[in-house]
PDB file of all heavy atoms in Angstrom:
ATOM      1  N   LYS A   1      -9.482 -28.494 -18.412  1.00  0.00           N
ATOM      2  CA  LYS A   1     -10.204 -27.371 -17.797  1.00  0.00           C
ATOM      3  C   LYS A   1      -9.966 -26.986 -16.361  1.00  0.00           C
ATOM      4  O   LYS A   1     -10.047 -25.835 -16.132  1.00  0.00           O
ATOM      5  CB  LYS A   1     -11.755 -27.548 -18.055  1.00  0.00           C
ATOM      6  CG  LYS A   1     -12.335 -28.801 -17.383  1.00  0.00           C
ATOM      7  CD  LYS A   1     -13.809 -29.051 -17.832  1.00  0.00           C
ATOM      8  CE  LYS A   1     -14.330 -30.342 -17.176  1.00  0.00           C
ATOM      9  NZ  LYS A   1     -15.680 -30.590 -17.626  1.00  0.00           N
ATOM     10  N   GLN A   2      -9.626 -28.085 -15.626  1.00  0.00           N
ATOM     11  CA  GLN A   2      -9.448 -27.770 -14.184  1.00  0.00           C
ATOM     12  C   GLN A   2      -8.188 -27.018 -14.048  1.00  0.00           C
ATOM     13  O   GLN A   2      -8.075 -26.026 -13.131  1.00  0.00           O
ATOM     14  CB  GLN A   2      -9.407 -29.054 -13.362  1.00  0.00           C
ATOM     15  CG  GLN A   2     -10.653 -29.820 -13.409  1.00  0.00           C
ATOM     16  CD  GLN A   2     -10.851 -30.940 -14.380  1.00  0.00           C
ATOM     17  OE1 GLN A   2      -9.938 -30.991 -15.350  1.00  0.00           O
ATOM     18  NE2 GLN A   2     -11.909 -31.639 -14.416  1.00  0.00           N
ATOM     19  N   ILE A   3      -7.025 -27.393 -14.586  1.00  0.00           N
ATOM     20  CA  ILE A   3      -5.792 -26.671 -14.307  1.00  0.00           C
ATOM     21  C   ILE A   3      -5.810 -25.346 -14.913  1.00  0.00           C
ATOM     22  O   ILE A   3      -5.268 -24.369 -14.469  1.00  0.00           O
ATOM     23  CB  ILE A   3      -4.505 -27.447 -14.792  1.00  0.00           C
ATOM     24  CG1 ILE A   3      -3.263 -26.956 -14.200  1.00  0.00           C
ATOM     25  CG2 ILE A   3      -4.456 -27.523 -16.344  1.00  0.00           C
ATOM     26  CD1 ILE A   3      -1.961 -27.722 -14.446  1.00  0.00           C
ATOM     27  N   ARG A   4      -6.492 -25.097 -16.023  1.00  0.00           N
ATOM     28  CA  ARG A   4      -6.643 -23.709 -16.654  1.00  0.00           C
ATOM     29  C   ARG A   4      -7.479 -22.914 -15.641  1.00  0.00           C
ATOM     30  O   ARG A   4      -7.171 -21.685 -15.491  1.00  0.00           O
ATOM     31  CB  ARG A   4      -7.277 -23.832 -17.927  1.00  0.00           C
ATOM     32  CG  ARG A   4      -6.491 -24.693 -19.006  1.00  0.00           C
ATOM     33  CD  ARG A   4      -5.606 -23.770 -19.807  1.00  0.00           C
ATOM     34  NE  ARG A   4      -4.562 -24.627 -20.518  1.00  0.00           N
ATOM     35  CZ  ARG A   4      -3.725 -24.079 -21.331  1.00  0.00           C
ATOM     36  NH1 ARG A   4      -3.803 -22.840 -21.760  1.00  0.00           N
ATOM     37  NH2 ARG A   4      -2.732 -24.813 -21.885  1.00  0.00           N
ATOM     38  N   SER A   5      -8.504 -23.501 -15.033  1.00  0.00           N
ATOM     39  CA  SER A   5      -9.304 -22.714 -14.082  1.00  0.00           C
ATOM     40  C   SER A   5      -8.438 -22.383 -12.882  1.00  0.00           C
ATOM     41  O   SER A   5      -8.501 -21.200 -12.353  1.00  0.00           O
ATOM     42  CB  SER A   5     -10.523 -23.540 -13.731  1.00  0.00           C
ATOM     43  OG  SER A   5     -11.264 -22.829 -12.674  1.00  0.00           O
ATOM     44  N   TYR A   6      -7.617 -23.260 -12.455  1.00  0.00           N
ATOM     45  CA  TYR A   6      -6.805 -23.113 -11.209  1.00  0.00           C
ATOM     46  C   TYR A   6      -5.735 -22.003 -11.564  1.00  0.00           C
ATOM     47  O   TYR A   6      -5.603 -21.179 -10.717  1.00  0.00           O
ATOM     48  CB  TYR A   6      -6.047 -24.436 -10.908  1.00  0.00           C
ATOM     49  CG  TYR A   6      -5.472 -24.573  -9.529  1.00  0.00           C
ATOM     50  CD1 TYR A   6      -6.177 -24.076  -8.446  1.00  0.00           C
ATOM     51  CD2 TYR A   6      -4.273 -25.091  -9.261  1.00  0.00           C
ATOM     52  CE1 TYR A   6      -5.584 -24.127  -7.216  1.00  0.00           C
ATOM     53  CE2 TYR A   6      -3.631 -25.161  -8.039  1.00  0.00           C
ATOM     54  CZ  TYR A   6      -4.410 -24.682  -7.032  1.00  0.00           C
ATOM     55  OH  TYR A   6      -3.846 -24.791  -5.737  1.00  0.00           O
ATOM     56  N   ARG A   7      -5.247 -22.042 -12.668  1.00  0.00           N
ATOM     57  CA  ARG A   7      -4.152 -21.114 -12.977  1.00  0.00           C
ATOM     58  C   ARG A   7      -4.844 -19.632 -13.042  1.00  0.00           C
ATOM     59  O   ARG A   7      -4.217 -18.782 -12.449  1.00  0.00           O
ATOM     60  CB  ARG A   7      -3.517 -21.267 -14.364  1.00  0.00           C
ATOM     61  CG  ARG A   7      -2.534 -20.308 -14.830  1.00  0.00           C
ATOM     62  CD  ARG A   7      -2.111 -20.392 -16.292  1.00  0.00           C
ATOM     63  NE  ARG A   7      -3.252 -20.217 -17.134  1.00  0.00           N
ATOM     64  CZ  ARG A   7      -3.161 -20.039 -18.427  1.00  0.00           C
ATOM     65  NH1 ARG A   7      -2.023 -20.238 -19.043  1.00  0.00           N
ATOM     66  NH2 ARG A   7      -4.309 -19.929 -19.234  1.00  0.00           N
ATOM     67  N   ASP A   8      -5.999 -19.619 -13.586  1.00  0.00           N
ATOM     68  CA  ASP A   8      -6.700 -18.300 -13.645  1.00  0.00           C
ATOM     69  C   ASP A   8      -7.098 -17.807 -12.163  1.00  0.00           C
ATOM     70  O   ASP A   8      -6.940 -16.619 -11.976  1.00  0.00           O
ATOM     71  CB  ASP A   8      -7.999 -18.436 -14.415  1.00  0.00           C
ATOM     72  CG  ASP A   8      -7.799 -18.678 -15.856  1.00  0.00           C
ATOM     73  OD1 ASP A   8      -6.559 -18.347 -16.358  1.00  0.00           O
ATOM     74  OD2 ASP A   8      -8.650 -19.002 -16.570  1.00  0.00           O
ATOM     75  N   MET A   9      -7.501 -18.857 -11.364  1.00  0.00           N
ATOM     76  CA  MET A   9      -7.833 -18.375  -9.980  1.00  0.00           C
ATOM     77  C   MET A   9      -6.648 -17.804  -9.255  1.00  0.00           C
ATOM     78  O   MET A   9      -6.649 -16.732  -8.566  1.00  0.00           O
ATOM     79  CB  MET A   9      -8.430 -19.556  -9.148  1.00  0.00           C
ATOM     80  CG  MET A   9      -8.683 -19.248  -7.753  1.00  0.00           C
ATOM     81  SD  MET A   9      -9.325 -20.727  -6.926  1.00  0.00           S
ATOM     82  CE  MET A   9     -10.933 -20.902  -7.658  1.00  0.00           C
ATOM     83  N   VAL A  10      -5.538 -18.540  -9.280  1.00  0.00           N
ATOM     84  CA  VAL A  10      -4.270 -18.171  -8.695  1.00  0.00           C
ATOM     85  C   VAL A  10      -3.783 -16.754  -9.215  1.00  0.00           C
ATOM     86  O   VAL A  10      -3.279 -15.895  -8.514  1.00  0.00           O
ATOM     87  CB  VAL A  10      -3.238 -19.273  -8.793  1.00  0.00           C
ATOM     88  CG1 VAL A  10      -1.833 -18.779  -8.268  1.00  0.00           C
ATOM     89  CG2 VAL A  10      -3.538 -20.449  -8.023  1.00  0.00           C
ATOM     90  N   GLY A  11      -3.884 -16.624 -10.632  1.00  0.00           N
ATOM     91  CA  GLY A  11      -3.273 -15.498 -11.168  1.00  0.00           C
ATOM     92  C   GLY A  11      -4.184 -14.306 -11.193  1.00  0.00           C
ATOM     93  O   GLY A  11      -3.747 -13.128 -11.525  1.00  0.00           O
ATOM     94  N   SER A  12      -5.448 -14.449 -10.647  1.00  0.00           N
ATOM     95  CA  SER A  12      -6.426 -13.312 -10.710  1.00  0.00           C
ATOM     96  C   SER A  12      -6.177 -12.327  -9.532  1.00  0.00           C
ATOM     97  O   SER A  12      -6.615 -11.198  -9.569  1.00  0.00           O
ATOM     98  CB  SER A  12      -7.806 -13.818 -10.539  1.00  0.00           C
ATOM     99  OG  SER A  12      -7.988 -14.404  -9.178  1.00  0.00           O
ATOM    100  N   GLY A  13      -5.350 -12.643  -8.528  1.00  0.00           N
ATOM    101  CA  GLY A  13      -5.108 -11.913  -7.416  1.00  0.00           C
ATOM    102  C   GLY A  13      -6.105 -12.138  -6.297  1.00  0.00           C
ATOM    103  O   GLY A  13      -5.986 -11.399  -5.246  1.00  0.00           O
ATOM    104  N   SER A  14      -7.073 -12.968  -6.540  1.00  0.00           N
ATOM    105  CA  SER A  14      -8.155 -13.172  -5.535  1.00  0.00           C
ATOM    106  C   SER A  14      -7.549 -13.653  -4.174  1.00  0.00           C
ATOM    107  O   SER A  14      -8.158 -13.388  -3.082  1.00  0.00           O
ATOM    108  CB  SER A  14      -9.138 -14.019  -6.055  1.00  0.00           C
ATOM    109  OG  SER A  14      -8.695 -15.365  -6.326  1.00  0.00           O
ATOM    110  N   ILE A  15      -6.529 -14.507  -4.212  1.00  0.00           N
ATOM    111  CA  ILE A  15      -6.086 -15.043  -2.923  1.00  0.00           C
ATOM    112  C   ILE A  15      -4.772 -14.162  -2.511  1.00  0.00           C
ATOM    113  O   ILE A  15      -3.977 -14.547  -1.618  1.00  0.00           O
ATOM    114  CB  ILE A  15      -5.609 -16.499  -3.034  1.00  0.00           C
ATOM    115  CG1 ILE A  15      -4.537 -16.724  -4.027  1.00  0.00           C
ATOM    116  CG2 ILE A  15      -6.855 -17.283  -3.336  1.00  0.00           C
ATOM    117  CD1 ILE A  15      -3.961 -18.197  -4.082  1.00  0.00           C
ATOM    118  N   GLY A  16      -4.550 -13.086  -3.247  1.00  0.00           N
ATOM    119  CA  GLY A  16      -3.376 -12.248  -2.915  1.00  0.00           C
ATOM    120  C   GLY A  16      -2.066 -12.700  -3.498  1.00  0.00           C
ATOM    121  O   GLY A  16      -1.969 -13.396  -4.562  1.00  0.00           O
ATOM    122  N   THR A  17      -1.036 -12.153  -2.924  1.00  0.00           N
ATOM    123  CA  THR A  17       0.273 -12.473  -3.364  1.00  0.00           C
ATOM    124  C   THR A  17       0.676 -14.084  -3.052  1.00  0.00           C
ATOM    125  O   THR A  17       0.560 -14.405  -1.920  1.00  0.00           O
ATOM    126  CB  THR A  17       1.386 -11.600  -2.797  1.00  0.00           C
ATOM    127  OG1 THR A  17       1.067 -10.230  -3.186  1.00  0.00           O
ATOM    128  CG2 THR A  17       2.790 -11.921  -3.308  1.00  0.00           C
ATOM    129  N   ILE A  18       1.169 -14.831  -4.026  1.00  0.00           N
ATOM    130  CA  ILE A  18       1.539 -16.120  -3.772  1.00  0.00           C
ATOM    131  C   ILE A  18       2.690 -16.249  -2.791  1.00  0.00           C
ATOM    132  O   ILE A  18       3.771 -15.634  -3.066  1.00  0.00           O
ATOM    133  CB  ILE A  18       1.800 -16.852  -5.039  1.00  0.00           C
ATOM    134  CG1 ILE A  18       0.614 -16.815  -6.053  1.00  0.00           C
ATOM    135  CG2 ILE A  18       2.336 -18.311  -4.789  1.00  0.00           C
ATOM    136  CD1 ILE A  18       0.804 -17.485  -7.393  1.00  0.00           C
ATOM    137  N   GLY A  19       2.543 -17.088  -1.763  1.00  0.00           N
ATOM    138  CA  GLY A  19       3.611 -17.386  -0.870  1.00  0.00           C
ATOM    139  C   GLY A  19       4.277 -18.677  -1.029  1.00  0.00           C
ATOM    140  O   GLY A  19       5.468 -18.840  -1.050  1.00  0.00           O
ATOM    141  N   SER A  20       3.366 -19.744  -1.278  1.00  0.00           N
ATOM    142  CA  SER A  20       3.934 -21.057  -1.559  1.00  0.00           C
ATOM    143  C   SER A  20       2.960 -21.828  -2.366  1.00  0.00           C
ATOM    144  O   SER A  20       1.770 -21.586  -2.466  1.00  0.00           O
ATOM    145  CB  SER A  20       4.077 -21.721  -0.123  1.00  0.00           C
ATOM    146  OG  SER A  20       2.838 -21.888   0.605  1.00  0.00           O
ATOM    147  N   ILE A  21       3.507 -22.782  -2.956  1.00  0.00           N
ATOM    148  CA  ILE A  21       2.710 -23.779  -3.842  1.00  0.00           C
ATOM    149  C   ILE A  21       3.202 -25.189  -3.432  1.00  0.00           C
ATOM    150  O   ILE A  21       4.366 -25.471  -3.376  1.00  0.00           O
ATOM    151  CB  ILE A  21       2.784 -23.496  -5.284  1.00  0.00           C
ATOM    152  CG1 ILE A  21       2.024 -24.450  -6.082  1.00  0.00           C
ATOM    153  CG2 ILE A  21       4.183 -23.419  -5.694  1.00  0.00           C
ATOM    154  CD1 ILE A  21       1.882 -24.081  -7.626  1.00  0.00           C
ATOM    155  N   HIS A  22       2.206 -26.097  -3.313  1.00  0.00           N
ATOM    156  CA  HIS A  22       2.488 -27.411  -2.828  1.00  0.00           C
ATOM    157  C   HIS A  22       1.772 -28.421  -3.712  1.00  0.00           C
ATOM    158  O   HIS A  22       0.662 -28.332  -3.971  1.00  0.00           O
ATOM    159  CB  HIS A  22       2.111 -27.634  -1.332  1.00  0.00           C
ATOM    160  CG  HIS A  22       2.514 -26.535  -0.396  1.00  0.00           C
ATOM    161  ND1 HIS A  22       3.761 -26.547   0.164  1.00  0.00           N
ATOM    162  CD2 HIS A  22       1.923 -25.352  -0.053  1.00  0.00           C
ATOM    163  CE1 HIS A  22       3.838 -25.417   0.945  1.00  0.00           C
ATOM    164  NE2 HIS A  22       2.697 -24.669   0.755  1.00  0.00           N
ATOM    165  N   ALA A  23       2.595 -29.568  -3.934  1.00  0.00           N
ATOM    166  CA  ALA A  23       1.902 -30.697  -4.784  1.00  0.00           C
ATOM    167  C   ALA A  23       2.287 -31.931  -4.131  1.00  0.00           C
ATOM    168  O   ALA A  23       3.434 -32.188  -3.859  1.00  0.00           O
ATOM    169  CB  ALA A  23       2.472 -30.551  -6.232  1.00  0.00           C
ATOM    170  N   ASP A  24       1.253 -32.734  -4.101  1.00  0.00           N
ATOM    171  CA  ASP A  24       1.514 -34.190  -3.661  1.00  0.00           C
ATOM    172  C   ASP A  24       1.052 -35.091  -4.686  1.00  0.00           C
ATOM    173  O   ASP A  24       0.121 -34.963  -5.387  1.00  0.00           O
ATOM    174  CB  ASP A  24       0.546 -34.489  -2.423  1.00  0.00           C
ATOM    175  CG  ASP A  24       0.979 -33.999  -1.090  1.00  0.00           C
ATOM    176  OD1 ASP A  24       2.269 -33.511  -1.072  1.00  0.00           O
ATOM    177  OD2 ASP A  24       0.236 -33.941  -0.073  1.00  0.00           O
ATOM    178  N   PHE A  25       1.981 -36.115  -4.960  1.00  0.00           N
ATOM    179  CA  PHE A  25       1.757 -37.075  -6.099  1.00  0.00           C
ATOM    180  C   PHE A  25       2.099 -38.502  -5.500  1.00  0.00           C
ATOM    181  O   PHE A  25       3.283 -38.700  -5.157  1.00  0.00           O
ATOM    182  CB  PHE A  25       2.652 -36.727  -7.298  1.00  0.00           C
ATOM    183  CG  PHE A  25       2.598 -37.811  -8.350  1.00  0.00           C
ATOM    184  CD1 PHE A  25       1.562 -37.648  -9.399  1.00  0.00           C
ATOM    185  CD2 PHE A  25       3.464 -38.902  -8.493  1.00  0.00           C
ATOM    186  CE1 PHE A  25       1.519 -38.586 -10.295  1.00  0.00           C
ATOM    187  CE2 PHE A  25       3.391 -39.812  -9.354  1.00  0.00           C
ATOM    188  CZ  PHE A  25       2.415 -39.782 -10.435  1.00  0.00           C
ATOM    189  N   PHE A  26       1.081 -39.233  -5.355  1.00  0.00           N
ATOM    190  CA  PHE A  26       1.341 -40.805  -4.771  1.00  0.00           C
ATOM    191  C   PHE A  26       0.530 -41.693  -5.591  1.00  0.00           C
ATOM    192  O   PHE A  26      -0.689 -41.672  -5.489  1.00  0.00           O
ATOM    193  CB  PHE A  26       0.900 -40.712  -3.256  1.00  0.00           C
ATOM    194  CG  PHE A  26       1.801 -39.950  -2.392  1.00  0.00           C
ATOM    195  CD1 PHE A  26       1.438 -38.551  -1.974  1.00  0.00           C
ATOM    196  CD2 PHE A  26       2.981 -40.416  -1.881  1.00  0.00           C
ATOM    197  CE1 PHE A  26       2.277 -37.808  -1.172  1.00  0.00           C
ATOM    198  CE2 PHE A  26       3.818 -39.603  -1.134  1.00  0.00           C
ATOM    199  CZ  PHE A  26       3.483 -38.252  -0.737  1.00  0.00           C
ATOM    200  N   LEU A  27       1.224 -42.593  -6.336  1.00  0.00           N
ATOM    201  CA  LEU A  27       0.596 -43.531  -7.121  1.00  0.00           C
ATOM    202  C   LEU A  27       1.523 -44.817  -6.973  1.00  0.00           C
ATOM    203  O   LEU A  27       2.739 -44.775  -6.894  1.00  0.00           O
ATOM    204  CB  LEU A  27       0.478 -43.131  -8.464  1.00  0.00           C
ATOM    205  CG  LEU A  27      -0.663 -42.178  -8.882  1.00  0.00           C
ATOM    206  CD1 LEU A  27      -0.582 -41.636 -10.232  1.00  0.00           C
ATOM    207  CD2 LEU A  27      -1.958 -42.915  -8.723  1.00  0.00           C
ATOM    208  N   GLY A  28       0.860 -45.958  -7.128  1.00  0.00           N
ATOM    209  CA  GLY A  28       1.561 -47.199  -7.186  1.00  0.00           C
ATOM    210  C   GLY A  28       1.478 -47.618  -8.663  1.00  0.00           C
ATOM    211  O   GLY A  28       0.533 -48.439  -9.020  1.00  0.00           O
ATOM    212  N   ALA A  29       2.489 -47.266  -9.459  1.00  0.00           N
ATOM    213  CA  ALA A  29       2.436 -47.529 -10.952  1.00  0.00           C
ATOM    214  C   ALA A  29       3.318 -48.788 -11.312  1.00  0.00           C
ATOM    215  O   ALA A  29       4.577 -48.612 -11.241  1.00  0.00           O
ATOM    216  CB  ALA A  29       2.825 -46.311 -11.702  1.00  0.00           C
ATOM    217  N   HIS A  30       2.643 -49.844 -11.683  1.00  0.00           N
ATOM    218  CA  HIS A  30       3.408 -51.068 -11.961  1.00  0.00           C
ATOM    219  C   HIS A  30       3.562 -51.204 -13.459  1.00  0.00           C
ATOM    220  O   HIS A  30       2.834 -51.941 -14.157  1.00  0.00           O
ATOM    221  CB  HIS A  30       2.601 -52.321 -11.420  1.00  0.00           C
ATOM    222  CG  HIS A  30       2.511 -52.348  -9.933  1.00  0.00           C
ATOM    223  ND1 HIS A  30       3.433 -53.183  -9.194  1.00  0.00           N
ATOM    224  CD2 HIS A  30       1.806 -51.568  -9.081  1.00  0.00           C
ATOM    225  CE1 HIS A  30       3.145 -52.943  -7.893  1.00  0.00           C
ATOM    226  NE2 HIS A  30       2.114 -52.034  -7.811  1.00  0.00           N
ATOM    227  N   PHE A  31       4.567 -50.455 -14.010  1.00  0.00           N
ATOM    228  CA  PHE A  31       4.783 -50.415 -15.490  1.00  0.00           C
ATOM    229  C   PHE A  31       5.450 -51.641 -16.100  1.00  0.00           C
ATOM    230  O   PHE A  31       5.062 -52.184 -17.125  1.00  0.00           O
ATOM    231  CB  PHE A  31       5.596 -49.200 -15.901  1.00  0.00           C
ATOM    232  CG  PHE A  31       4.971 -47.888 -15.685  1.00  0.00           C
ATOM    233  CD1 PHE A  31       5.225 -47.039 -14.704  1.00  0.00           C
ATOM    234  CD2 PHE A  31       3.979 -47.423 -16.592  1.00  0.00           C
ATOM    235  CE1 PHE A  31       4.620 -45.763 -14.422  1.00  0.00           C
ATOM    236  CE2 PHE A  31       3.438 -46.133 -16.545  1.00  0.00           C
ATOM    237  CZ  PHE A  31       3.678 -45.428 -15.433  1.00  0.00           C
ATOM    238  N   GLY A  32       6.521 -52.124 -15.375  1.00  0.00           N
ATOM    239  CA  GLY A  32       7.487 -52.907 -16.057  1.00  0.00           C
ATOM    240  C   GLY A  32       8.189 -52.198 -17.091  1.00  0.00           C
ATOM    241  O   GLY A  32       7.892 -51.032 -17.405  1.00  0.00           O
ATOM    242  N   GLY A  33       9.205 -52.843 -17.797  1.00  0.00           N
ATOM    243  CA  GLY A  33       9.866 -52.136 -18.800  1.00  0.00           C
ATOM    244  C   GLY A  33      10.879 -51.126 -18.194  1.00  0.00           C
ATOM    245  O   GLY A  33      11.508 -51.346 -17.151  1.00  0.00           O
ATOM    246  N   PHE A  34      11.348 -50.209 -19.088  1.00  0.00           N
ATOM    247  CA  PHE A  34      12.473 -49.376 -18.936  1.00  0.00           C
ATOM    248  C   PHE A  34      12.318 -48.572 -17.573  1.00  0.00           C
ATOM    249  O   PHE A  34      13.292 -48.250 -16.973  1.00  0.00           O
ATOM    250  CB  PHE A  34      12.719 -48.467 -20.096  1.00  0.00           C
ATOM    251  CG  PHE A  34      11.767 -47.274 -20.201  1.00  0.00           C
ATOM    252  CD1 PHE A  34      12.034 -46.111 -19.648  1.00  0.00           C
ATOM    253  CD2 PHE A  34      10.547 -47.434 -21.004  1.00  0.00           C
ATOM    254  CE1 PHE A  34      11.132 -44.947 -19.810  1.00  0.00           C
ATOM    255  CE2 PHE A  34       9.745 -46.375 -21.218  1.00  0.00           C
ATOM    256  CZ  PHE A  34      10.005 -45.092 -20.614  1.00  0.00           C
ATOM    257  N   ARG A  35      11.202 -48.058 -17.171  1.00  0.00           N
ATOM    258  CA  ARG A  35      10.995 -47.335 -15.975  1.00  0.00           C
ATOM    259  C   ARG A  35      11.553 -48.128 -14.780  1.00  0.00           C
ATOM    260  O   ARG A  35      12.083 -47.539 -13.833  1.00  0.00           O
ATOM    261  CB  ARG A  35       9.603 -46.838 -15.895  1.00  0.00           C
ATOM    262  CG  ARG A  35       9.061 -45.816 -16.843  1.00  0.00           C
ATOM    263  CD  ARG A  35       7.667 -45.452 -16.643  1.00  0.00           C
ATOM    264  NE  ARG A  35       7.150 -44.521 -17.636  1.00  0.00           N
ATOM    265  CZ  ARG A  35       6.707 -45.041 -18.878  1.00  0.00           C
ATOM    266  NH1 ARG A  35       6.580 -46.241 -19.196  1.00  0.00           N
ATOM    267  NH2 ARG A  35       6.245 -44.039 -19.720  1.00  0.00           N
ATOM    268  N   ASP A  36      11.242 -49.336 -14.715  1.00  0.00           N
ATOM    269  CA  ASP A  36      11.600 -50.136 -13.595  1.00  0.00           C
ATOM    270  C   ASP A  36      13.154 -50.289 -13.334  1.00  0.00           C
ATOM    271  O   ASP A  36      13.587 -50.456 -12.256  1.00  0.00           O
ATOM    272  CB  ASP A  36      11.032 -51.548 -13.651  1.00  0.00           C
ATOM    273  CG  ASP A  36       9.538 -51.625 -13.374  1.00  0.00           C
ATOM    274  OD1 ASP A  36       8.966 -50.571 -13.301  1.00  0.00           O
ATOM    275  OD2 ASP A  36       9.045 -52.830 -13.199  1.00  0.00           O
ATOM    276  N   ALA A  37      13.840 -49.951 -14.425  1.00  0.00           N
ATOM    277  CA  ALA A  37      15.242 -50.106 -14.313  1.00  0.00           C
ATOM    278  C   ALA A  37      16.036 -48.720 -14.260  1.00  0.00           C
ATOM    279  O   ALA A  37      17.312 -48.661 -14.079  1.00  0.00           O
ATOM    280  CB  ALA A  37      15.832 -50.823 -15.643  1.00  0.00           C
ATOM    281  N   MET A  38      15.314 -47.625 -14.369  1.00  0.00           N
ATOM    282  CA  MET A  38      15.858 -46.359 -14.385  1.00  0.00           C
ATOM    283  C   MET A  38      16.435 -45.936 -12.985  1.00  0.00           C
ATOM    284  O   MET A  38      16.016 -46.460 -11.948  1.00  0.00           O
ATOM    285  CB  MET A  38      14.849 -45.192 -14.804  1.00  0.00           C
ATOM    286  CG  MET A  38      14.355 -45.256 -16.163  1.00  0.00           C
ATOM    287  SD  MET A  38      13.085 -44.146 -16.621  1.00  0.00           S
ATOM    288  CE  MET A  38      13.936 -42.512 -16.359  1.00  0.00           C
ATOM    289  N   ASP A  39      17.452 -45.111 -12.909  1.00  0.00           N
ATOM    290  CA  ASP A  39      17.994 -44.642 -11.703  1.00  0.00           C
ATOM    291  C   ASP A  39      17.115 -43.694 -10.948  1.00  0.00           C
ATOM    292  O   ASP A  39      17.089 -43.647  -9.711  1.00  0.00           O
ATOM    293  CB  ASP A  39      19.329 -43.950 -11.944  1.00  0.00           C
ATOM    294  CG  ASP A  39      20.470 -45.002 -12.421  1.00  0.00           C
ATOM    295  OD1 ASP A  39      20.391 -46.160 -12.143  1.00  0.00           O
ATOM    296  OD2 ASP A  39      21.507 -44.461 -13.067  1.00  0.00           O
ATOM    297  N   ASN A  40      16.389 -42.834 -11.764  1.00  0.00           N
ATOM    298  CA  ASN A  40      15.569 -41.887 -11.075  1.00  0.00           C
ATOM    299  C   ASN A  40      14.205 -41.905 -11.757  1.00  0.00           C
ATOM    300  O   ASN A  40      13.825 -40.869 -12.374  1.00  0.00           O
ATOM    301  CB  ASN A  40      16.219 -40.428 -11.219  1.00  0.00           C
ATOM    302  CG  ASN A  40      17.672 -40.436 -11.004  1.00  0.00           C
ATOM    303  OD1 ASN A  40      18.493 -40.528 -11.811  1.00  0.00           O
ATOM    304  ND2 ASN A  40      18.018 -40.299  -9.709  1.00  0.00           N
ATOM    305  N   PRO A  41      13.406 -42.954 -11.647  1.00  0.00           N
ATOM    306  CA  PRO A  41      12.192 -42.997 -12.458  1.00  0.00           C
ATOM    307  C   PRO A  41      11.191 -41.985 -12.181  1.00  0.00           C
ATOM    308  O   PRO A  41      10.650 -41.530 -13.043  1.00  0.00           O
ATOM    309  CB  PRO A  41      11.746 -44.534 -12.065  1.00  0.00           C
ATOM    310  CG  PRO A  41      12.348 -44.715 -10.823  1.00  0.00           C
ATOM    311  CD  PRO A  41      13.684 -44.092 -10.869  1.00  0.00           C
ATOM    312  N   LEU A  42      11.016 -41.575 -10.927  1.00  0.00           N
ATOM    313  CA  LEU A  42       9.966 -40.655 -10.526  1.00  0.00           C
ATOM    314  C   LEU A  42      10.407 -39.215 -11.012  1.00  0.00           C
ATOM    315  O   LEU A  42       9.650 -38.639 -11.730  1.00  0.00           O
ATOM    316  CB  LEU A  42       9.751 -40.613  -9.107  1.00  0.00           C
ATOM    317  CG  LEU A  42       8.842 -39.528  -8.510  1.00  0.00           C
ATOM    318  CD1 LEU A  42       7.371 -39.955  -8.967  1.00  0.00           C
ATOM    319  CD2 LEU A  42       8.887 -39.363  -7.010  1.00  0.00           C
ATOM    320  N   ILE A  43      11.546 -38.831 -10.658  1.00  0.00           N
ATOM    321  CA  ILE A  43      12.021 -37.405 -10.895  1.00  0.00           C
ATOM    322  C   ILE A  43      12.098 -37.231 -12.523  1.00  0.00           C
ATOM    323  O   ILE A  43      11.540 -36.302 -13.075  1.00  0.00           O
ATOM    324  CB  ILE A  43      13.313 -37.156 -10.241  1.00  0.00           C
ATOM    325  CG1 ILE A  43      13.083 -37.064  -8.839  1.00  0.00           C
ATOM    326  CG2 ILE A  43      13.817 -35.797 -10.734  1.00  0.00           C
ATOM    327  CD1 ILE A  43      12.193 -35.916  -8.239  1.00  0.00           C
TER     328      ILE A  43
END
């Protein structure tokens, strides 16, 4: 419900024309397994 609300807010024109969008993602994920061996696990 939050991302659907966010999309509606951004798309409504209330903040005007979009100039930039920014996302931060920071987690310490200790999976083990195939992800630990991947060349580009995050991307």
